[in-house]
N, C-alpha and C. Protein backbone atom coordinates (compact mmCIF):
# COMPACT_ATOMS: atom_id res chain seq x y z
N MET A 1 0.78 -1.14 0.00
CA MET A 1 0.00 0.00 0.00
C MET A 1 0.87 1.26 0.00
N TRP A 2 1.83 1.13 0.71
CA TRP A 2 2.80 2.19 0.76
C TRP A 2 3.34 2.49 -0.64
N VAL A 3 3.57 1.49 -1.36
CA VAL A 3 4.10 1.61 -2.72
C VAL A 3 3.03 2.27 -3.62
N VAL A 4 1.82 1.87 -3.42
CA VAL A 4 0.75 2.42 -4.25
C VAL A 4 0.59 3.91 -3.91
N SER A 5 0.65 4.25 -2.63
CA SER A 5 0.52 5.64 -2.22
C SER A 5 1.66 6.46 -2.79
N THR A 6 2.84 5.94 -2.76
CA THR A 6 4.01 6.64 -3.28
C THR A 6 3.87 6.80 -4.80
N ALA A 7 3.40 5.78 -5.45
CA ALA A 7 3.23 5.84 -6.89
C ALA A 7 2.20 6.91 -7.25
N PHE A 8 1.09 6.95 -6.49
CA PHE A 8 0.09 7.99 -6.74
C PHE A 8 0.66 9.37 -6.47
N ALA A 9 1.44 9.50 -5.45
CA ALA A 9 2.05 10.79 -5.12
C ALA A 9 3.00 11.21 -6.25
N LEU A 10 3.80 10.27 -6.74
CA LEU A 10 4.72 10.57 -7.83
C LEU A 10 3.95 10.93 -9.10
N LEU A 11 2.92 10.18 -9.36
CA LEU A 11 2.10 10.49 -10.54
C LEU A 11 1.44 11.86 -10.38
N ALA A 12 1.02 12.21 -9.19
CA ALA A 12 0.39 13.48 -8.94
C ALA A 12 1.38 14.63 -9.19
N ILE A 13 2.64 14.36 -9.01
CA ILE A 13 3.66 15.39 -9.26
C ILE A 13 4.08 15.37 -10.73
N ILE A 14 4.31 14.21 -11.30
CA ILE A 14 4.84 14.07 -12.67
C ILE A 14 3.80 14.47 -13.72
N ILE A 15 2.55 14.06 -13.53
CA ILE A 15 1.52 14.34 -14.54
C ILE A 15 1.32 15.85 -14.72
N PRO A 16 1.15 16.67 -13.68
CA PRO A 16 1.00 18.11 -13.92
C PRO A 16 2.24 18.73 -14.58
N ILE A 17 3.43 18.21 -14.19
CA ILE A 17 4.66 18.74 -14.82
C ILE A 17 4.67 18.38 -16.30
N ALA A 18 4.32 17.17 -16.64
CA ALA A 18 4.29 16.74 -18.03
C ALA A 18 3.24 17.53 -18.81
N ILE A 19 2.07 17.70 -18.19
CA ILE A 19 1.02 18.47 -18.86
C ILE A 19 1.48 19.90 -19.11
N GLN A 20 2.10 20.49 -18.09
CA GLN A 20 2.60 21.87 -18.23
C GLN A 20 3.67 21.93 -19.32
N TYR A 21 4.55 20.95 -19.40
CA TYR A 21 5.61 20.90 -20.41
C TYR A 21 4.99 20.85 -21.80
N PHE A 22 4.04 19.97 -22.02
CA PHE A 22 3.41 19.85 -23.34
C PHE A 22 2.56 21.08 -23.68
N GLN A 23 1.94 21.66 -22.67
CA GLN A 23 1.17 22.88 -22.92
C GLN A 23 2.09 24.03 -23.32
N ASN A 24 3.24 24.15 -22.65
CA ASN A 24 4.22 25.19 -23.00
C ASN A 24 4.73 25.00 -24.41
N LYS A 25 5.02 23.73 -24.73
CA LYS A 25 5.51 23.42 -26.08
C LYS A 25 4.44 23.77 -27.11
N SER A 26 3.20 23.41 -26.86
CA SER A 26 2.09 23.72 -27.76
C SER A 26 1.87 25.23 -27.84
N LEU A 27 1.98 25.93 -26.71
CA LEU A 27 1.80 27.37 -26.68
C LEU A 27 2.89 28.06 -27.50
N LYS A 28 4.14 27.59 -27.37
CA LYS A 28 5.24 28.19 -28.13
C LYS A 28 5.05 27.94 -29.62
N ALA A 29 4.57 26.76 -29.99
CA ALA A 29 4.31 26.47 -31.40
C ALA A 29 3.19 27.39 -31.91
N SER A 30 2.16 27.58 -31.12
CA SER A 30 1.06 28.47 -31.50
C SER A 30 1.55 29.91 -31.60
N GLU A 31 2.42 30.32 -30.68
CA GLU A 31 2.98 31.68 -30.72
C GLU A 31 3.79 31.88 -32.00
N ARG A 32 4.62 30.87 -32.36
CA ARG A 32 5.42 30.97 -33.57
C ARG A 32 4.52 31.04 -34.81
N GLU A 33 3.47 30.25 -34.81
CA GLU A 33 2.54 30.25 -35.93
C GLU A 33 1.82 31.59 -36.01
N LEU A 34 1.37 32.09 -34.87
CA LEU A 34 0.69 33.38 -34.81
C LEU A 34 1.64 34.50 -35.22
N GLU A 35 2.88 34.43 -34.77
CA GLU A 35 3.88 35.43 -35.14
C GLU A 35 4.12 35.41 -36.65
N GLY A 36 4.19 34.22 -37.23
CA GLY A 36 4.36 34.10 -38.69
C GLY A 36 3.19 34.71 -39.44
N ILE A 37 1.97 34.41 -38.98
CA ILE A 37 0.78 34.98 -39.61
C ILE A 37 0.78 36.50 -39.46
N LEU A 38 1.14 36.97 -38.27
CA LEU A 38 1.19 38.41 -38.02
C LEU A 38 2.23 39.08 -38.91
N ASN A 39 3.41 38.48 -39.03
CA ASN A 39 4.45 39.05 -39.90
C ASN A 39 4.00 39.08 -41.35
N LEU A 40 3.30 38.03 -41.77
CA LEU A 40 2.78 37.98 -43.13
C LEU A 40 1.76 39.10 -43.35
N LYS A 41 0.88 39.30 -42.39
CA LYS A 41 -0.12 40.37 -42.49
C LYS A 41 0.56 41.75 -42.50
N ILE A 42 1.59 41.91 -41.70
CA ILE A 42 2.33 43.18 -41.66
C ILE A 42 2.98 43.44 -43.01
N GLU A 43 3.59 42.42 -43.61
CA GLU A 43 4.22 42.58 -44.92
C GLU A 43 3.18 42.92 -45.99
N GLU A 44 2.02 42.27 -45.93
CA GLU A 44 0.95 42.59 -46.88
C GLU A 44 0.49 44.03 -46.70
N ALA A 45 0.34 44.47 -45.45
CA ALA A 45 -0.07 45.85 -45.18
C ALA A 45 0.98 46.83 -45.69
N LYS A 46 2.26 46.51 -45.49
CA LYS A 46 3.34 47.38 -45.98
C LYS A 46 3.28 47.49 -47.50
N LYS A 47 3.08 46.36 -48.18
CA LYS A 47 3.00 46.38 -49.64
C LYS A 47 1.80 47.20 -50.10
N GLU A 48 0.68 47.03 -49.43
CA GLU A 48 -0.53 47.77 -49.80
C GLU A 48 -0.32 49.27 -49.60
N ILE A 49 0.26 49.64 -48.47
CA ILE A 49 0.54 51.06 -48.20
C ILE A 49 1.52 51.60 -49.23
N ASN A 50 2.55 50.81 -49.54
CA ASN A 50 3.55 51.22 -50.52
C ASN A 50 2.90 51.42 -51.89
N ASN A 51 2.04 50.49 -52.29
CA ASN A 51 1.36 50.62 -53.58
C ASN A 51 0.45 51.84 -53.60
N GLU A 52 -0.26 52.11 -52.50
CA GLU A 52 -1.11 53.29 -52.42
C GLU A 52 -0.28 54.56 -52.51
N MET A 53 0.87 54.58 -51.85
CA MET A 53 1.75 55.74 -51.90
C MET A 53 2.26 55.96 -53.32
N ILE A 54 2.63 54.87 -53.98
CA ILE A 54 3.13 54.98 -55.35
C ILE A 54 2.04 55.54 -56.26
N LEU A 55 0.81 55.02 -56.13
CA LEU A 55 -0.30 55.52 -56.95
C LEU A 55 -0.57 57.00 -56.68
N THR A 56 -0.52 57.38 -55.42
CA THR A 56 -0.74 58.79 -55.06
C THR A 56 0.36 59.67 -55.64
N LEU A 57 1.60 59.23 -55.51
CA LEU A 57 2.72 60.00 -56.04
C LEU A 57 2.66 60.10 -57.56
N GLU A 58 2.31 58.98 -58.22
CA GLU A 58 2.20 59.01 -59.68
C GLU A 58 1.10 59.96 -60.11
N SER A 59 0.00 59.96 -59.37
CA SER A 59 -1.11 60.86 -59.70
C SER A 59 -0.69 62.32 -59.53
N LYS A 60 -0.02 62.61 -58.42
CA LYS A 60 0.45 63.99 -58.19
C LYS A 60 1.50 64.38 -59.22
N LEU A 61 2.39 63.45 -59.56
CA LEU A 61 3.42 63.73 -60.55
C LEU A 61 2.77 64.03 -61.89
N SER A 62 1.77 63.26 -62.25
CA SER A 62 1.06 63.49 -63.51
C SER A 62 0.40 64.87 -63.51
N THR A 63 -0.20 65.23 -62.39
CA THR A 63 -0.83 66.55 -62.27
C THR A 63 0.21 67.66 -62.43
N TYR A 64 1.34 67.51 -61.77
CA TYR A 64 2.39 68.52 -61.87
C TYR A 64 2.99 68.57 -63.27
N GLU A 65 3.12 67.42 -63.92
CA GLU A 65 3.63 67.41 -65.29
C GLU A 65 2.69 68.16 -66.23
N LYS A 66 1.39 67.95 -66.06
CA LYS A 66 0.42 68.65 -66.89
C LYS A 66 0.48 70.15 -66.65
N LYS A 67 0.59 70.53 -65.38
CA LYS A 67 0.69 71.96 -65.05
C LYS A 67 1.98 72.55 -65.63
N LEU A 68 3.06 71.80 -65.52
CA LEU A 68 4.33 72.27 -66.07
C LEU A 68 4.24 72.44 -67.58
N GLN A 69 3.60 71.48 -68.26
CA GLN A 69 3.44 71.59 -69.71
C GLN A 69 2.63 72.84 -70.07
N LYS A 70 1.56 73.11 -69.30
CA LYS A 70 0.76 74.31 -69.55
C LYS A 70 1.60 75.56 -69.32
N ASP A 71 2.40 75.56 -68.25
CA ASP A 71 3.25 76.72 -67.96
C ASP A 71 4.29 76.92 -69.06
N ILE A 72 4.88 75.84 -69.54
CA ILE A 72 5.87 75.93 -70.61
C ILE A 72 5.21 76.47 -71.88
N SER A 73 4.03 75.95 -72.20
CA SER A 73 3.31 76.45 -73.38
C SER A 73 3.00 77.93 -73.23
N ASN A 74 2.60 78.33 -72.04
CA ASN A 74 2.30 79.73 -71.80
C ASN A 74 3.55 80.60 -71.97
N LEU A 75 4.66 80.17 -71.40
CA LEU A 75 5.90 80.95 -71.53
C LEU A 75 6.36 81.03 -72.98
N ASN A 76 6.28 79.91 -73.70
CA ASN A 76 6.65 79.94 -75.12
C ASN A 76 5.74 80.87 -75.90
N GLY A 77 4.45 80.86 -75.56
CA GLY A 77 3.52 81.78 -76.21
C GLY A 77 3.88 83.23 -75.94
N GLN A 78 4.24 83.52 -74.70
CA GLN A 78 4.61 84.89 -74.34
C GLN A 78 5.87 85.32 -75.09
N ILE A 79 6.83 84.42 -75.17
CA ILE A 79 8.08 84.75 -75.90
C ILE A 79 7.77 85.05 -77.36
N MET A 80 6.97 84.18 -77.99
CA MET A 80 6.65 84.39 -79.40
C MET A 80 5.84 85.68 -79.59
N GLN A 81 4.96 85.97 -78.64
CA GLN A 81 4.15 87.17 -78.75
C GLN A 81 5.02 88.42 -78.60
N LEU A 82 5.97 88.40 -77.68
CA LEU A 82 6.88 89.55 -77.52
C LEU A 82 7.71 89.78 -78.78
N GLN A 83 8.20 88.68 -79.34
CA GLN A 83 8.99 88.81 -80.57
C GLN A 83 8.11 89.33 -81.70
N ALA A 84 6.89 88.81 -81.78
CA ALA A 84 5.97 89.27 -82.82
C ALA A 84 5.65 90.75 -82.65
N ASN A 85 5.47 91.19 -81.41
CA ASN A 85 5.21 92.61 -81.15
C ASN A 85 6.35 93.47 -81.69
N SER A 86 7.56 93.00 -81.47
CA SER A 86 8.74 93.73 -81.95
C SER A 86 8.73 93.80 -83.49
N PHE A 87 8.44 92.66 -84.12
CA PHE A 87 8.35 92.66 -85.59
C PHE A 87 7.25 93.59 -86.08
N PHE A 88 6.12 93.56 -85.40
CA PHE A 88 5.00 94.41 -85.81
C PHE A 88 5.38 95.88 -85.68
N ASP A 89 6.03 96.24 -84.59
CA ASP A 89 6.47 97.63 -84.40
C ASP A 89 7.45 98.06 -85.48
N ASP A 90 8.24 97.10 -85.98
CA ASP A 90 9.20 97.38 -87.06
C ASP A 90 8.56 97.27 -88.45
N ARG A 91 7.27 97.04 -88.47
CA ARG A 91 6.48 96.89 -89.71
C ARG A 91 6.91 95.68 -90.54
N ASN A 92 7.43 94.70 -89.84
CA ASN A 92 7.77 93.42 -90.48
C ASN A 92 6.57 92.50 -90.24
N TYR A 93 5.52 92.71 -91.01
CA TYR A 93 4.23 92.08 -90.73
C TYR A 93 4.23 90.58 -90.99
N LEU A 94 5.01 90.12 -91.94
CA LEU A 94 5.04 88.69 -92.23
C LEU A 94 5.65 87.91 -91.07
N ASP A 95 6.80 88.36 -90.57
CA ASP A 95 7.41 87.68 -89.42
C ASP A 95 6.55 87.84 -88.17
N ALA A 96 5.94 88.99 -88.02
CA ALA A 96 5.04 89.21 -86.88
C ALA A 96 3.87 88.22 -86.96
N PHE A 97 3.29 88.09 -88.15
CA PHE A 97 2.18 87.16 -88.35
C PHE A 97 2.61 85.73 -87.98
N GLY A 98 3.78 85.31 -88.46
CA GLY A 98 4.27 83.96 -88.16
C GLY A 98 4.45 83.73 -86.67
N ASP A 99 5.03 84.72 -85.99
CA ASP A 99 5.24 84.56 -84.55
C ASP A 99 3.93 84.65 -83.76
N TYR A 100 3.00 85.47 -84.21
CA TYR A 100 1.69 85.49 -83.55
C TYR A 100 0.99 84.14 -83.72
N CYS A 101 1.13 83.56 -84.90
CA CYS A 101 0.55 82.22 -85.12
C CYS A 101 1.17 81.21 -84.17
N LEU A 102 2.48 81.27 -84.01
CA LEU A 102 3.15 80.35 -83.07
C LEU A 102 2.72 80.62 -81.64
N ALA A 103 2.53 81.88 -81.30
CA ALA A 103 2.05 82.23 -79.96
C ALA A 103 0.67 81.61 -79.72
N VAL A 104 -0.20 81.74 -80.69
CA VAL A 104 -1.55 81.16 -80.57
C VAL A 104 -1.45 79.64 -80.42
N SER A 105 -0.55 79.05 -81.18
CA SER A 105 -0.36 77.60 -81.09
C SER A 105 0.05 77.19 -79.67
N HIS A 106 0.92 77.96 -79.07
CA HIS A 106 1.34 77.67 -77.68
C HIS A 106 0.23 77.97 -76.68
N TYR A 107 -0.43 79.10 -76.85
CA TYR A 107 -1.51 79.48 -75.93
C TYR A 107 -2.67 78.48 -75.98
N THR A 108 -2.82 77.82 -77.10
CA THR A 108 -3.88 76.82 -77.23
C THR A 108 -3.77 75.76 -76.14
N TYR A 109 -2.55 75.47 -75.73
CA TYR A 109 -2.32 74.41 -74.73
C TYR A 109 -1.98 74.98 -73.36
N SER A 110 -2.32 76.25 -73.15
CA SER A 110 -2.13 76.85 -71.83
C SER A 110 -3.47 77.39 -71.34
N ASP A 111 -3.44 78.05 -70.21
CA ASP A 111 -4.67 78.63 -69.66
C ASP A 111 -4.74 80.15 -69.85
N ASP A 112 -3.82 80.70 -70.64
CA ASP A 112 -3.74 82.16 -70.80
C ASP A 112 -4.67 82.62 -71.93
N VAL A 113 -5.94 82.74 -71.60
CA VAL A 113 -6.95 83.11 -72.58
C VAL A 113 -6.81 84.58 -72.98
N ILE A 114 -6.37 85.40 -72.06
CA ILE A 114 -6.24 86.84 -72.36
C ILE A 114 -5.20 87.06 -73.45
N ASN A 115 -4.01 86.49 -73.28
CA ASN A 115 -2.98 86.67 -74.31
C ASN A 115 -3.33 85.93 -75.60
N LEU A 116 -4.07 84.84 -75.48
CA LEU A 116 -4.55 84.15 -76.68
C LEU A 116 -5.41 85.10 -77.50
N GLY A 117 -6.33 85.77 -76.84
CA GLY A 117 -7.19 86.74 -77.54
C GLY A 117 -6.39 87.88 -78.14
N ARG A 118 -5.40 88.35 -77.40
CA ARG A 118 -4.56 89.45 -77.92
C ARG A 118 -3.79 89.01 -79.16
N ALA A 119 -3.23 87.80 -79.10
CA ALA A 119 -2.46 87.30 -80.25
C ALA A 119 -3.36 87.15 -81.47
N ILE A 120 -4.57 86.68 -81.28
CA ILE A 120 -5.49 86.54 -82.41
C ILE A 120 -5.85 87.91 -82.98
N GLU A 121 -6.07 88.86 -82.11
CA GLU A 121 -6.35 90.23 -82.58
C GLU A 121 -5.18 90.76 -83.41
N CYS A 122 -3.96 90.47 -82.97
CA CYS A 122 -2.78 90.92 -83.70
C CYS A 122 -2.65 90.19 -85.04
N ILE A 123 -3.05 88.92 -85.08
CA ILE A 123 -3.05 88.19 -86.35
C ILE A 123 -3.98 88.89 -87.33
N LYS A 124 -5.15 89.30 -86.83
CA LYS A 124 -6.10 89.99 -87.71
C LYS A 124 -5.49 91.31 -88.23
N LYS A 125 -4.77 92.02 -87.37
CA LYS A 125 -4.13 93.27 -87.81
C LYS A 125 -3.07 92.98 -88.87
N CYS A 126 -2.28 91.94 -88.65
CA CYS A 126 -1.23 91.59 -89.61
C CYS A 126 -1.84 91.23 -90.97
N LEU A 127 -2.97 90.55 -90.95
CA LEU A 127 -3.61 90.13 -92.20
C LEU A 127 -3.98 91.33 -93.08
N ASP A 128 -4.15 92.49 -92.45
CA ASP A 128 -4.44 93.70 -93.23
C ASP A 128 -3.26 94.11 -94.10
N TYR A 129 -2.06 93.65 -93.76
CA TYR A 129 -0.85 94.06 -94.46
C TYR A 129 -0.24 92.94 -95.31
N LEU A 130 -0.84 91.77 -95.31
CA LEU A 130 -0.23 90.62 -95.99
C LEU A 130 -1.04 90.21 -97.22
N THR A 131 -0.35 89.52 -98.10
CA THR A 131 -1.01 88.98 -99.29
C THR A 131 -1.19 87.47 -99.12
N LYS A 132 -2.02 86.95 -99.98
CA LYS A 132 -2.25 85.50 -100.01
C LYS A 132 -0.94 84.76 -100.26
N GLU A 133 -0.11 85.29 -101.15
CA GLU A 133 1.16 84.65 -101.50
C GLU A 133 2.12 84.62 -100.31
N GLU A 134 2.13 85.69 -99.54
CA GLU A 134 3.02 85.74 -98.36
C GLU A 134 2.60 84.70 -97.33
N ILE A 135 1.31 84.54 -97.14
CA ILE A 135 0.83 83.54 -96.18
C ILE A 135 1.15 82.14 -96.68
N LEU A 136 1.01 81.94 -97.98
CA LEU A 136 1.35 80.64 -98.57
C LEU A 136 2.84 80.35 -98.42
N ARG A 137 3.67 81.38 -98.64
CA ARG A 137 5.12 81.22 -98.49
C ARG A 137 5.47 80.88 -97.03
N LEU A 138 4.80 81.52 -96.09
CA LEU A 138 5.03 81.23 -94.67
C LEU A 138 4.67 79.77 -94.37
N LYS A 139 3.61 79.31 -95.00
CA LYS A 139 3.18 77.92 -94.80
C LYS A 139 4.20 76.95 -95.39
N THR A 140 4.71 77.22 -96.57
CA THR A 140 5.61 76.27 -97.22
C THR A 140 7.05 76.38 -96.71
N VAL A 141 7.51 77.59 -96.46
CA VAL A 141 8.91 77.77 -96.04
C VAL A 141 9.08 77.58 -94.53
N GLU A 142 8.22 78.22 -93.75
CA GLU A 142 8.35 78.19 -92.29
C GLU A 142 7.51 77.09 -91.64
N ASN A 143 6.67 76.44 -92.44
CA ASN A 143 5.78 75.39 -91.94
C ASN A 143 4.82 75.92 -90.87
N ILE A 144 4.37 77.14 -91.08
CA ILE A 144 3.40 77.75 -90.17
C ILE A 144 2.09 77.88 -90.95
N ASP A 145 1.14 77.02 -90.59
CA ASP A 145 -0.14 76.97 -91.30
C ASP A 145 -1.23 77.48 -90.37
N ILE A 146 -1.71 78.67 -90.65
CA ILE A 146 -2.72 79.30 -89.81
C ILE A 146 -4.00 78.46 -89.74
N VAL A 147 -4.33 77.77 -90.80
CA VAL A 147 -5.56 76.96 -90.81
C VAL A 147 -5.44 75.82 -89.80
N ILE A 148 -4.31 75.16 -89.79
CA ILE A 148 -4.09 74.06 -88.82
C ILE A 148 -4.09 74.60 -87.40
N ILE A 149 -3.46 75.75 -87.20
CA ILE A 149 -3.42 76.36 -85.87
C ILE A 149 -4.83 76.71 -85.39
N LEU A 150 -5.63 77.26 -86.28
CA LEU A 150 -7.01 77.60 -85.91
C LEU A 150 -7.83 76.34 -85.64
N ASN A 151 -7.61 75.29 -86.42
CA ASN A 151 -8.32 74.03 -86.18
C ASN A 151 -7.97 73.45 -84.81
N GLU A 152 -6.68 73.48 -84.46
CA GLU A 152 -6.26 72.99 -83.13
C GLU A 152 -6.90 73.83 -82.03
N LEU A 153 -6.92 75.13 -82.24
CA LEU A 153 -7.51 76.02 -81.24
C LEU A 153 -9.00 75.71 -81.05
N GLU A 154 -9.71 75.54 -82.14
CA GLU A 154 -11.14 75.22 -82.04
C GLU A 154 -11.36 73.88 -81.35
N GLU A 155 -10.46 72.95 -81.60
CA GLU A 155 -10.60 71.62 -80.99
C GLU A 155 -10.30 71.67 -79.49
N GLU A 156 -9.29 72.40 -79.10
CA GLU A 156 -8.87 72.45 -77.69
C GLU A 156 -9.73 73.39 -76.85
N LYS A 157 -10.15 74.49 -77.43
CA LYS A 157 -10.90 75.51 -76.67
C LYS A 157 -12.13 75.95 -77.47
N PRO A 158 -13.06 75.05 -77.69
CA PRO A 158 -14.20 75.40 -78.56
C PRO A 158 -15.08 76.52 -78.02
N THR A 159 -15.27 76.61 -76.72
CA THR A 159 -16.17 77.63 -76.20
C THR A 159 -15.51 79.01 -76.18
N ILE A 160 -14.21 79.05 -76.09
CA ILE A 160 -13.50 80.32 -76.00
C ILE A 160 -13.23 80.91 -77.38
N SER A 161 -12.93 80.04 -78.34
CA SER A 161 -12.34 80.52 -79.57
C SER A 161 -13.28 80.71 -80.74
N ALA A 162 -14.51 80.31 -80.66
CA ALA A 162 -15.39 80.29 -81.83
C ALA A 162 -15.46 81.64 -82.56
N GLU A 163 -15.75 82.69 -81.84
CA GLU A 163 -15.89 84.00 -82.48
C GLU A 163 -14.54 84.52 -82.98
N MET A 164 -13.49 84.32 -82.17
CA MET A 164 -12.16 84.79 -82.57
C MET A 164 -11.71 84.11 -83.86
N VAL A 165 -11.90 82.80 -83.91
CA VAL A 165 -11.47 82.03 -85.07
C VAL A 165 -12.28 82.42 -86.31
N ARG A 166 -13.57 82.64 -86.13
CA ARG A 166 -14.43 82.98 -87.26
C ARG A 166 -13.95 84.26 -87.95
N THR A 167 -13.58 85.25 -87.14
CA THR A 167 -13.15 86.52 -87.75
C THR A 167 -11.82 86.36 -88.49
N VAL A 168 -10.92 85.55 -87.97
CA VAL A 168 -9.65 85.31 -88.67
C VAL A 168 -9.93 84.54 -89.96
N ARG A 169 -10.80 83.56 -89.89
CA ARG A 169 -11.14 82.79 -91.10
C ARG A 169 -11.79 83.71 -92.15
N ASP A 170 -12.60 84.65 -91.70
CA ASP A 170 -13.22 85.59 -92.64
C ASP A 170 -12.15 86.43 -93.34
N LYS A 171 -11.18 86.89 -92.58
CA LYS A 171 -10.10 87.69 -93.18
C LYS A 171 -9.27 86.84 -94.14
N LEU A 172 -9.02 85.58 -93.77
CA LEU A 172 -8.28 84.69 -94.67
C LEU A 172 -9.08 84.46 -95.96
N HIS A 173 -10.38 84.31 -95.81
CA HIS A 173 -11.23 84.13 -96.99
C HIS A 173 -11.17 85.37 -97.88
N ASP A 174 -11.19 86.54 -97.26
CA ASP A 174 -11.10 87.77 -98.04
C ASP A 174 -9.78 87.83 -98.80
N LEU A 175 -8.70 87.38 -98.18
CA LEU A 175 -7.39 87.35 -98.85
C LEU A 175 -7.42 86.37 -100.02
N ASP A 176 -8.07 85.23 -99.83
CA ASP A 176 -8.14 84.23 -100.90
C ASP A 176 -8.91 84.74 -102.11
N THR A 177 -9.88 85.56 -101.86
CA THR A 177 -10.72 86.03 -102.97
C THR A 177 -10.14 87.27 -103.65
N GLN A 178 -9.12 87.88 -103.03
CA GLN A 178 -8.50 89.06 -103.65
C GLN A 178 -7.67 88.65 -104.85
N LYS A 179 -7.64 89.50 -105.80
CA LYS A 179 -6.81 89.26 -106.98
C LYS A 179 -5.59 90.12 -106.87
N GLY A 180 -4.44 89.55 -107.21
CA GLY A 180 -3.22 90.32 -107.15
C GLY A 180 -2.67 90.40 -105.76
N THR A 181 -1.68 91.24 -105.56
CA THR A 181 -1.05 91.40 -104.26
C THR A 181 -1.16 92.85 -103.83
N LYS A 182 -0.95 93.04 -102.57
CA LYS A 182 -0.99 94.41 -102.02
C LYS A 182 0.30 95.12 -102.29
């Protein structure tokens, strides 16, 4: 009996220790598994955040590129308009006309509607001093085609340009119907 009591006492001590040992081992395995799952979720979240940041940056970069292109077009238009003004003041109407056309071409892709209108008004003034042959020569030699420029303007800014373009087209038509040169 003594032996049986001792055996029960030993079992009472050994069994809880063994259970605790196996529970600790199982708990550590579960912790490692949970840690692996957690690390995987963290990596997925990092990738998702990174992808969102990249998309946001690409979107902002695209916006800034478009704004920069508009600003460049505006500056080029201003440069051409200043040069054309100088030619006009020197009564070099053909070169002034060509540069005003280039200014309009640049302003077409910018937001500077005021200078666009001014350049078109100056084109109309230049047309008073030019012949059909001079405009044709500008088209063939300088590759400046007022008709193409007006078409682009109408396509890009239809609500702004309709009346302006119509008056230039009317003046061009008048030049086409004239006989001889000025």
